[in-house]
């Protein structure tokens, strides 16, 4: 599969919500069906209910909507969510490039980044290649964490080590 080099991030707008909700339904459907959790309405409504354009960037490839990513402020760092890329563009390096840029920003701010993926999701491999490690898991979700500059975050130590963006 060829790589796509022409892509850009732009700030999300309130009007982007339906395109993002639809992409979420398409991208998450196989994993949600595998887990017996797919609900055609709920998968879109959860995105609509939590949509925060002020923390979301839209990925454009070739000048067209291709995906999105949300990076919300969270206790002791950031929470990465709704990292979605059109299936036809997956595996071409866009997701890695977007994630690399977000993590460079987190590293500059010495921020810990957390996220969750569905059990069995191929996305987990992308995150692990970029320094994320298992924090915990439940029957549906796998929670991953990455410390600043890819350093591991250990349970109990995370709050002390990265509070206020610096070591304590």
N, C-alpha and C. Protein backbone atom coordinates (compact mmCIF):
# COMPACT_ATOMS: atom_id res chain seq x y z
N UNK A 1 0.84 -1.18 0.00
CA UNK A 1 0.00 0.00 0.00
C UNK A 1 0.89 1.24 0.00
N UNK A 2 0.56 2.21 -0.81
CA UNK A 2 1.38 3.42 -0.90
C UNK A 2 1.13 4.35 0.28
N UNK A 3 2.10 5.22 0.50
CA UNK A 3 1.94 6.19 1.57
C UNK A 3 1.34 7.47 1.01
N UNK A 4 0.57 8.14 1.82
CA UNK A 4 -0.02 9.42 1.46
C UNK A 4 0.77 10.49 2.17
N UNK A 5 1.33 11.42 1.43
CA UNK A 5 2.13 12.45 2.08
C UNK A 5 1.36 13.75 2.21
N UNK A 6 0.31 13.93 1.45
CA UNK A 6 -0.43 15.19 1.50
C UNK A 6 -1.58 15.08 2.50
N UNK A 7 -1.32 15.53 3.71
CA UNK A 7 -2.35 15.55 4.74
C UNK A 7 -2.11 16.76 5.62
N UNK A 8 -3.14 17.14 6.34
CA UNK A 8 -3.05 18.31 7.22
C UNK A 8 -4.03 18.15 8.37
N UNK A 9 -3.75 18.85 9.45
CA UNK A 9 -4.69 18.95 10.57
C UNK A 9 -5.27 20.35 10.56
N UNK A 10 -6.55 20.44 10.87
CA UNK A 10 -7.18 21.74 11.06
C UNK A 10 -8.06 21.66 12.30
N UNK A 11 -8.30 22.81 12.93
CA UNK A 11 -9.20 22.78 14.09
C UNK A 11 -10.59 22.29 13.68
N UNK A 12 -11.18 21.49 14.53
CA UNK A 12 -12.54 21.01 14.26
C UNK A 12 -13.54 22.14 14.46
N UNK A 13 -14.64 22.03 13.77
CA UNK A 13 -15.75 22.98 13.88
C UNK A 13 -16.97 22.25 14.42
N UNK A 14 -17.90 22.95 15.03
CA UNK A 14 -19.12 22.28 15.50
C UNK A 14 -19.82 21.49 14.39
N UNK A 15 -19.77 21.99 13.16
CA UNK A 15 -20.44 21.32 12.04
C UNK A 15 -19.77 20.01 11.62
N UNK A 16 -18.58 19.72 12.12
CA UNK A 16 -17.89 18.47 11.78
C UNK A 16 -18.46 17.26 12.51
N UNK A 17 -19.31 17.48 13.48
CA UNK A 17 -19.75 16.39 14.36
C UNK A 17 -20.39 15.23 13.60
N UNK A 18 -21.21 15.48 12.60
CA UNK A 18 -21.89 14.36 11.92
C UNK A 18 -20.93 13.54 11.08
N UNK A 19 -19.99 14.19 10.40
CA UNK A 19 -19.00 13.45 9.62
C UNK A 19 -18.15 12.58 10.55
N UNK A 20 -17.79 13.12 11.70
CA UNK A 20 -16.99 12.37 12.66
C UNK A 20 -17.80 11.22 13.26
N UNK A 21 -19.05 11.46 13.60
CA UNK A 21 -19.91 10.41 14.15
C UNK A 21 -20.07 9.27 13.15
N UNK A 22 -20.23 9.60 11.87
CA UNK A 22 -20.38 8.57 10.85
C UNK A 22 -19.08 7.78 10.70
N UNK A 23 -17.94 8.47 10.68
CA UNK A 23 -16.66 7.78 10.57
C UNK A 23 -16.44 6.87 11.77
N UNK A 24 -16.82 7.31 12.95
CA UNK A 24 -16.68 6.48 14.15
C UNK A 24 -17.46 5.18 14.00
N UNK A 25 -18.69 5.29 13.47
CA UNK A 25 -19.51 4.09 13.29
C UNK A 25 -18.86 3.11 12.32
N UNK A 26 -18.28 3.62 11.25
CA UNK A 26 -17.63 2.77 10.25
C UNK A 26 -16.37 2.13 10.81
N UNK A 27 -15.52 2.94 11.43
CA UNK A 27 -14.21 2.46 11.91
C UNK A 27 -14.36 1.48 13.08
N UNK A 28 -15.28 1.76 13.98
CA UNK A 28 -15.40 0.94 15.19
C UNK A 28 -16.28 -0.29 15.02
N UNK A 29 -17.06 -0.32 13.95
CA UNK A 29 -18.03 -1.41 13.78
C UNK A 29 -17.41 -2.81 13.90
N UNK A 30 -16.32 -3.13 13.18
CA UNK A 30 -15.80 -4.51 13.29
C UNK A 30 -15.43 -4.91 14.71
N UNK A 31 -14.75 -4.03 15.44
CA UNK A 31 -14.36 -4.36 16.82
C UNK A 31 -15.57 -4.45 17.73
N UNK A 32 -16.50 -3.52 17.59
CA UNK A 32 -17.69 -3.55 18.43
C UNK A 32 -18.55 -4.79 18.14
N UNK A 33 -18.66 -5.16 16.88
CA UNK A 33 -19.41 -6.38 16.54
C UNK A 33 -18.72 -7.61 17.12
N UNK A 34 -17.39 -7.67 17.01
CA UNK A 34 -16.63 -8.80 17.55
C UNK A 34 -16.87 -8.94 19.05
N UNK A 35 -17.02 -7.80 19.74
CA UNK A 35 -17.25 -7.82 21.18
C UNK A 35 -18.74 -7.90 21.55
N UNK A 36 -19.61 -7.99 20.54
CA UNK A 36 -21.05 -8.06 20.78
C UNK A 36 -21.62 -6.76 21.33
N UNK A 37 -21.01 -5.62 20.96
CA UNK A 37 -21.40 -4.32 21.54
C UNK A 37 -21.86 -3.31 20.49
N UNK A 38 -21.97 -3.69 19.23
CA UNK A 38 -22.32 -2.71 18.20
C UNK A 38 -23.80 -2.35 18.28
N UNK A 39 -24.07 -1.07 18.38
CA UNK A 39 -25.43 -0.52 18.32
C UNK A 39 -25.35 0.68 17.37
N UNK A 40 -26.02 0.58 16.26
CA UNK A 40 -25.94 1.58 15.20
C UNK A 40 -26.22 3.00 15.68
N UNK A 41 -27.14 3.18 16.56
CA UNK A 41 -27.46 4.52 17.08
C UNK A 41 -26.46 4.94 18.16
N UNK A 42 -26.20 4.05 19.09
CA UNK A 42 -25.35 4.39 20.25
C UNK A 42 -23.93 4.78 19.83
N UNK A 43 -23.35 4.10 18.84
CA UNK A 43 -21.97 4.39 18.44
C UNK A 43 -21.85 5.83 17.94
N UNK A 44 -22.89 6.33 17.28
CA UNK A 44 -22.87 7.71 16.80
C UNK A 44 -23.23 8.70 17.92
N UNK A 45 -24.20 8.34 18.73
CA UNK A 45 -24.67 9.25 19.77
C UNK A 45 -23.62 9.49 20.84
N UNK A 46 -22.85 8.48 21.18
CA UNK A 46 -21.79 8.68 22.17
C UNK A 46 -20.80 9.74 21.71
N UNK A 47 -20.49 9.74 20.41
CA UNK A 47 -19.60 10.77 19.87
C UNK A 47 -20.28 12.13 19.95
N UNK A 48 -21.52 12.21 19.52
CA UNK A 48 -22.24 13.49 19.55
C UNK A 48 -22.30 14.06 20.96
N UNK A 49 -22.57 13.20 21.93
CA UNK A 49 -22.71 13.65 23.32
C UNK A 49 -21.41 14.17 23.92
N UNK A 50 -20.29 13.63 23.48
CA UNK A 50 -18.99 14.00 24.06
C UNK A 50 -18.16 14.92 23.16
N UNK A 51 -18.69 15.27 22.01
CA UNK A 51 -17.91 16.04 21.03
C UNK A 51 -17.45 17.37 21.61
N UNK A 52 -16.14 17.61 21.52
CA UNK A 52 -15.53 18.84 22.01
C UNK A 52 -14.67 19.42 20.90
N UNK A 53 -15.26 20.23 20.02
CA UNK A 53 -14.48 20.75 18.90
C UNK A 53 -13.26 21.56 19.34
N UNK A 54 -13.32 22.16 20.51
CA UNK A 54 -12.18 22.94 20.99
C UNK A 54 -10.94 22.10 21.30
N UNK A 55 -11.12 20.79 21.43
CA UNK A 55 -10.00 19.88 21.71
C UNK A 55 -9.76 18.90 20.56
N UNK A 56 -10.49 19.07 19.47
CA UNK A 56 -10.45 18.13 18.36
C UNK A 56 -9.81 18.75 17.13
N UNK A 57 -9.04 17.94 16.43
CA UNK A 57 -8.48 18.32 15.14
C UNK A 57 -9.03 17.38 14.08
N UNK A 58 -9.29 17.94 12.91
CA UNK A 58 -9.74 17.15 11.76
C UNK A 58 -8.54 16.86 10.89
N UNK A 59 -8.42 15.61 10.47
CA UNK A 59 -7.38 15.20 9.53
C UNK A 59 -7.96 15.32 8.13
N UNK A 60 -7.24 16.02 7.27
CA UNK A 60 -7.62 16.11 5.87
C UNK A 60 -6.51 15.50 5.04
N UNK A 61 -6.88 14.70 4.06
CA UNK A 61 -5.91 14.10 3.13
C UNK A 61 -6.38 14.44 1.73
N UNK A 62 -5.49 14.99 0.95
CA UNK A 62 -5.86 15.41 -0.39
C UNK A 62 -6.95 16.46 -0.38
N UNK A 63 -7.01 17.25 0.70
CA UNK A 63 -8.00 18.31 0.81
C UNK A 63 -9.37 17.87 1.27
N UNK A 64 -9.55 16.59 1.57
CA UNK A 64 -10.87 16.08 1.98
C UNK A 64 -10.82 15.53 3.40
N UNK A 65 -11.98 15.51 4.07
CA UNK A 65 -12.11 14.93 5.41
C UNK A 65 -11.60 13.50 5.40
N UNK A 66 -10.68 13.19 6.32
CA UNK A 66 -10.11 11.85 6.38
C UNK A 66 -10.14 11.26 7.78
N UNK A 67 -10.40 12.09 8.80
CA UNK A 67 -10.40 11.57 10.15
C UNK A 67 -10.36 12.67 11.17
N UNK A 68 -10.05 12.28 12.41
CA UNK A 68 -10.00 13.26 13.50
C UNK A 68 -9.24 12.67 14.66
N UNK A 69 -8.92 13.55 15.60
CA UNK A 69 -8.31 13.13 16.86
C UNK A 69 -8.66 14.18 17.90
N UNK A 70 -8.95 13.73 19.10
CA UNK A 70 -9.25 14.62 20.22
C UNK A 70 -8.18 14.42 21.29
N UNK A 71 -7.68 15.53 21.80
CA UNK A 71 -6.69 15.52 22.87
C UNK A 71 -7.21 16.44 23.96
N UNK A 72 -7.81 15.83 24.99
CA UNK A 72 -8.43 16.60 26.07
C UNK A 72 -7.46 16.74 27.25
N UNK A 73 -7.50 17.90 27.90
CA UNK A 73 -6.76 18.02 29.16
C UNK A 73 -7.33 17.03 30.17
N UNK A 74 -6.45 16.41 30.91
CA UNK A 74 -6.87 15.45 31.94
C UNK A 74 -5.94 15.62 33.14
N UNK A 75 -6.33 15.04 34.24
CA UNK A 75 -5.49 15.11 35.43
C UNK A 75 -4.11 14.54 35.10
N UNK A 76 -3.07 15.30 35.36
CA UNK A 76 -1.68 14.88 35.15
C UNK A 76 -1.33 14.67 33.68
N UNK A 77 -2.03 15.33 32.76
CA UNK A 77 -1.67 15.19 31.35
C UNK A 77 -2.85 15.34 30.42
N UNK A 78 -2.91 14.45 29.44
CA UNK A 78 -3.93 14.51 28.40
C UNK A 78 -4.60 13.16 28.23
N UNK A 79 -5.79 13.21 27.67
CA UNK A 79 -6.54 12.01 27.30
C UNK A 79 -6.73 12.06 25.79
N UNK A 80 -6.23 11.05 25.08
CA UNK A 80 -6.37 10.97 23.63
C UNK A 80 -7.56 10.09 23.32
N UNK A 81 -8.46 10.60 22.48
CA UNK A 81 -9.65 9.82 22.13
C UNK A 81 -10.10 10.15 20.72
N UNK A 82 -11.02 9.36 20.24
CA UNK A 82 -11.60 9.56 18.91
C UNK A 82 -10.53 9.76 17.84
N UNK A 83 -9.48 8.95 17.91
CA UNK A 83 -8.46 8.98 16.87
C UNK A 83 -8.96 8.05 15.77
N UNK A 84 -9.56 8.64 14.77
CA UNK A 84 -10.23 7.90 13.72
C UNK A 84 -9.66 8.30 12.37
N UNK A 85 -9.44 7.32 11.51
CA UNK A 85 -8.94 7.58 10.17
C UNK A 85 -9.73 6.72 9.20
N UNK A 86 -10.12 7.29 8.09
CA UNK A 86 -10.88 6.56 7.08
C UNK A 86 -10.19 5.24 6.75
N UNK A 87 -10.94 4.14 6.69
CA UNK A 87 -10.32 2.83 6.44
C UNK A 87 -9.43 2.79 5.20
N UNK A 88 -9.79 3.47 4.15
CA UNK A 88 -8.98 3.46 2.93
C UNK A 88 -7.64 4.15 3.08
N UNK A 89 -7.46 4.92 4.14
CA UNK A 89 -6.20 5.63 4.38
C UNK A 89 -5.37 5.00 5.48
N UNK A 90 -5.92 4.01 6.16
CA UNK A 90 -5.17 3.36 7.23
C UNK A 90 -4.02 2.56 6.63
N UNK A 91 -2.91 2.50 7.36
CA UNK A 91 -1.75 1.75 6.91
C UNK A 91 -0.86 2.51 5.94
N UNK A 92 -1.09 3.79 5.78
CA UNK A 92 -0.30 4.60 4.84
C UNK A 92 0.60 5.62 5.54
N UNK A 93 0.66 5.56 6.86
CA UNK A 93 1.56 6.44 7.59
C UNK A 93 0.93 7.71 8.13
N UNK A 94 -0.30 8.00 7.76
CA UNK A 94 -0.94 9.23 8.24
C UNK A 94 -1.17 9.17 9.74
N UNK A 95 -1.73 8.06 10.22
CA UNK A 95 -1.99 7.92 11.65
C UNK A 95 -0.72 8.04 12.47
N UNK A 96 0.35 7.39 12.03
CA UNK A 96 1.63 7.48 12.74
C UNK A 96 2.15 8.91 12.74
N UNK A 97 2.02 9.60 11.61
CA UNK A 97 2.51 10.98 11.53
C UNK A 97 1.71 11.90 12.44
N UNK A 98 0.40 11.74 12.45
CA UNK A 98 -0.45 12.55 13.34
C UNK A 98 -0.09 12.28 14.79
N UNK A 99 0.00 11.00 15.15
CA UNK A 99 0.32 10.63 16.52
C UNK A 99 1.71 11.14 16.92
N UNK A 100 2.66 11.04 16.03
CA UNK A 100 4.01 11.54 16.31
C UNK A 100 3.97 13.03 16.65
N UNK A 101 3.21 13.81 15.89
CA UNK A 101 3.10 15.25 16.18
C UNK A 101 2.45 15.53 17.51
N UNK A 102 1.39 14.80 17.84
CA UNK A 102 0.71 14.99 19.13
C UNK A 102 1.64 14.63 20.29
N UNK A 103 2.38 13.55 20.12
CA UNK A 103 3.27 13.12 21.20
C UNK A 103 4.47 14.05 21.36
N UNK A 104 4.93 14.65 20.27
CA UNK A 104 6.00 15.65 20.37
C UNK A 104 5.52 16.83 21.20
N UNK A 105 4.27 17.23 20.99
CA UNK A 105 3.68 18.32 21.78
C UNK A 105 3.59 17.91 23.25
N UNK A 106 3.12 16.69 23.52
CA UNK A 106 3.03 16.21 24.89
C UNK A 106 4.40 16.16 25.55
N UNK A 107 5.39 15.69 24.81
CA UNK A 107 6.75 15.62 25.35
C UNK A 107 7.28 17.01 25.69
N UNK A 108 7.02 17.99 24.82
CA UNK A 108 7.48 19.36 25.06
C UNK A 108 6.85 19.93 26.33
N UNK A 109 5.62 19.49 26.62
CA UNK A 109 4.93 19.95 27.82
C UNK A 109 5.13 19.00 29.00
N UNK A 110 5.93 17.95 28.79
CA UNK A 110 6.18 16.94 29.81
C UNK A 110 4.88 16.35 30.35
N UNK A 111 3.97 16.08 29.43
CA UNK A 111 2.64 15.58 29.80
C UNK A 111 2.54 14.08 29.57
N UNK A 112 1.85 13.41 30.46
CA UNK A 112 1.49 12.01 30.31
C UNK A 112 0.24 11.95 29.44
N UNK A 113 0.18 10.96 28.55
CA UNK A 113 -0.98 10.78 27.67
C UNK A 113 -1.59 9.42 27.96
N UNK A 114 -2.90 9.41 28.12
CA UNK A 114 -3.64 8.17 28.35
C UNK A 114 -4.70 8.00 27.27
N UNK A 115 -5.10 6.76 27.05
CA UNK A 115 -6.15 6.45 26.08
C UNK A 115 -6.68 5.07 26.37
N UNK A 116 -7.76 4.74 25.69
CA UNK A 116 -8.22 3.36 25.75
C UNK A 116 -8.60 2.90 24.35
N UNK A 117 -8.42 1.61 24.13
CA UNK A 117 -8.82 0.96 22.89
C UNK A 117 -9.66 -0.25 23.26
N UNK A 118 -10.45 -0.70 22.32
CA UNK A 118 -11.23 -1.91 22.54
C UNK A 118 -10.30 -3.12 22.52
N UNK A 119 -10.60 -4.10 23.36
CA UNK A 119 -9.82 -5.34 23.37
C UNK A 119 -9.76 -5.91 21.96
N UNK A 120 -8.58 -6.30 21.55
CA UNK A 120 -8.39 -6.92 20.24
C UNK A 120 -8.25 -5.93 19.09
N UNK A 121 -8.32 -4.65 19.37
CA UNK A 121 -8.21 -3.64 18.32
C UNK A 121 -6.79 -3.59 17.75
N UNK A 122 -6.69 -3.50 16.43
CA UNK A 122 -5.39 -3.36 15.78
C UNK A 122 -4.72 -2.04 16.15
N UNK A 123 -5.50 -1.05 16.56
CA UNK A 123 -4.95 0.26 16.93
C UNK A 123 -3.97 0.14 18.10
N UNK A 124 -4.13 -0.85 18.92
CA UNK A 124 -3.23 -1.02 20.06
C UNK A 124 -1.77 -1.11 19.61
N UNK A 125 -1.53 -1.80 18.50
CA UNK A 125 -0.15 -1.94 18.01
C UNK A 125 0.44 -0.59 17.63
N UNK A 126 -0.36 0.28 17.01
CA UNK A 126 0.11 1.63 16.67
C UNK A 126 0.56 2.36 17.93
N UNK A 127 -0.28 2.33 18.95
CA UNK A 127 0.05 3.04 20.19
C UNK A 127 1.28 2.45 20.88
N UNK A 128 1.39 1.14 20.90
CA UNK A 128 2.55 0.51 21.53
C UNK A 128 3.83 0.84 20.78
N UNK A 129 3.78 0.96 19.46
CA UNK A 129 4.96 1.36 18.68
C UNK A 129 5.40 2.78 19.03
N UNK A 130 4.49 3.57 19.56
CA UNK A 130 4.79 4.96 19.92
C UNK A 130 5.00 5.14 21.42
N UNK A 131 5.27 4.04 22.13
CA UNK A 131 5.68 4.14 23.53
C UNK A 131 4.59 3.97 24.56
N UNK A 132 3.37 3.66 24.16
CA UNK A 132 2.30 3.43 25.13
C UNK A 132 2.45 2.03 25.72
N UNK A 133 2.07 1.90 26.98
CA UNK A 133 2.14 0.62 27.68
C UNK A 133 0.82 0.37 28.41
N UNK A 134 0.58 -0.88 28.69
CA UNK A 134 -0.64 -1.27 29.40
C UNK A 134 -0.67 -0.64 30.78
N UNK A 135 -1.79 -0.01 31.09
CA UNK A 135 -2.02 0.51 32.43
C UNK A 135 -2.99 -0.40 33.17
N UNK A 136 -4.09 -0.75 32.50
CA UNK A 136 -5.07 -1.68 33.07
C UNK A 136 -6.01 -2.10 31.95
N UNK A 137 -6.84 -3.09 32.23
CA UNK A 137 -7.83 -3.52 31.25
C UNK A 137 -9.05 -4.06 31.97
N UNK A 138 -10.14 -4.06 31.23
CA UNK A 138 -11.38 -4.64 31.72
C UNK A 138 -11.92 -5.54 30.60
N UNK A 139 -13.09 -6.12 30.76
CA UNK A 139 -13.58 -7.05 29.73
C UNK A 139 -13.76 -6.43 28.33
N UNK A 140 -13.87 -5.11 28.24
CA UNK A 140 -14.11 -4.45 26.95
C UNK A 140 -12.92 -3.61 26.51
N UNK A 141 -12.35 -2.84 27.41
CA UNK A 141 -11.33 -1.85 27.07
C UNK A 141 -9.95 -2.19 27.61
N UNK A 142 -8.95 -1.71 26.88
CA UNK A 142 -7.55 -1.77 27.30
C UNK A 142 -7.10 -0.32 27.46
N UNK A 143 -6.60 0.02 28.64
CA UNK A 143 -6.17 1.38 28.95
C UNK A 143 -4.65 1.43 28.84
N UNK A 144 -4.17 2.39 28.04
CA UNK A 144 -2.74 2.54 27.79
C UNK A 144 -2.27 3.90 28.28
N UNK A 145 -1.00 3.99 28.61
CA UNK A 145 -0.42 5.23 29.12
C UNK A 145 0.98 5.40 28.54
N UNK A 146 1.35 6.66 28.34
CA UNK A 146 2.70 6.99 27.86
C UNK A 146 3.16 8.23 28.61
N UNK A 147 4.30 8.11 29.28
CA UNK A 147 4.88 9.24 29.97
C UNK A 147 5.59 10.16 29.01
N UNK A 148 6.00 11.33 29.48
CA UNK A 148 6.74 12.25 28.63
C UNK A 148 7.97 11.58 28.03
N UNK A 149 8.22 11.88 26.76
CA UNK A 149 9.36 11.32 26.02
C UNK A 149 9.31 9.79 25.99
N UNK A 150 8.10 9.24 26.09
CA UNK A 150 7.93 7.80 26.01
C UNK A 150 8.34 7.03 27.24
N UNK A 151 8.64 7.76 28.34
CA UNK A 151 9.02 7.06 29.58
C UNK A 151 7.84 6.31 30.15
N UNK A 152 8.08 5.16 30.74
CA UNK A 152 6.99 4.41 31.35
C UNK A 152 6.43 5.15 32.56
N UNK A 153 5.19 4.93 32.81
CA UNK A 153 4.51 5.49 33.98
C UNK A 153 4.11 4.31 34.84
N UNK A 154 4.56 4.29 36.09
CA UNK A 154 4.21 3.18 36.98
C UNK A 154 3.06 3.60 37.87
N UNK A 155 2.19 2.66 38.18
CA UNK A 155 1.03 2.90 39.03
C UNK A 155 1.47 3.50 40.35
N UNK A 156 0.79 4.55 40.76
CA UNK A 156 1.09 5.20 42.03
C UNK A 156 2.17 6.25 41.90
N UNK A 157 3.12 6.04 40.99
CA UNK A 157 4.20 6.99 40.79
C UNK A 157 3.80 8.09 39.82
N UNK A 158 2.84 7.80 38.93
CA UNK A 158 2.47 8.75 37.88
C UNK A 158 2.07 10.10 38.44
N UNK A 159 1.26 10.12 39.46
CA UNK A 159 0.78 11.40 40.00
C UNK A 159 1.92 12.22 40.58
N UNK A 160 2.88 11.57 41.24
CA UNK A 160 4.00 12.30 41.83
C UNK A 160 5.01 12.74 40.78
N UNK A 161 5.27 11.89 39.82
CA UNK A 161 6.33 12.17 38.86
C UNK A 161 5.96 13.28 37.89
N UNK A 162 4.72 13.35 37.46
CA UNK A 162 4.36 14.27 36.39
C UNK A 162 3.43 15.39 36.81
N UNK A 163 3.21 15.58 38.10
CA UNK A 163 2.37 16.65 38.58
C UNK A 163 2.95 18.01 38.17
N UNK A 164 2.10 18.87 37.69
CA UNK A 164 2.47 20.22 37.31
C UNK A 164 3.55 20.24 36.23
N UNK A 165 3.63 19.18 35.43
CA UNK A 165 4.54 19.14 34.31
C UNK A 165 5.99 18.91 34.66
N UNK A 166 6.29 18.55 35.88
CA UNK A 166 7.69 18.32 36.23
C UNK A 166 7.85 17.28 37.32
N UNK A 167 9.04 16.84 37.49
CA UNK A 167 9.31 15.83 38.52
C UNK A 167 9.20 16.46 39.90
N UNK A 168 8.72 15.66 40.85
CA UNK A 168 8.62 16.13 42.24
C UNK A 168 9.54 15.34 43.12
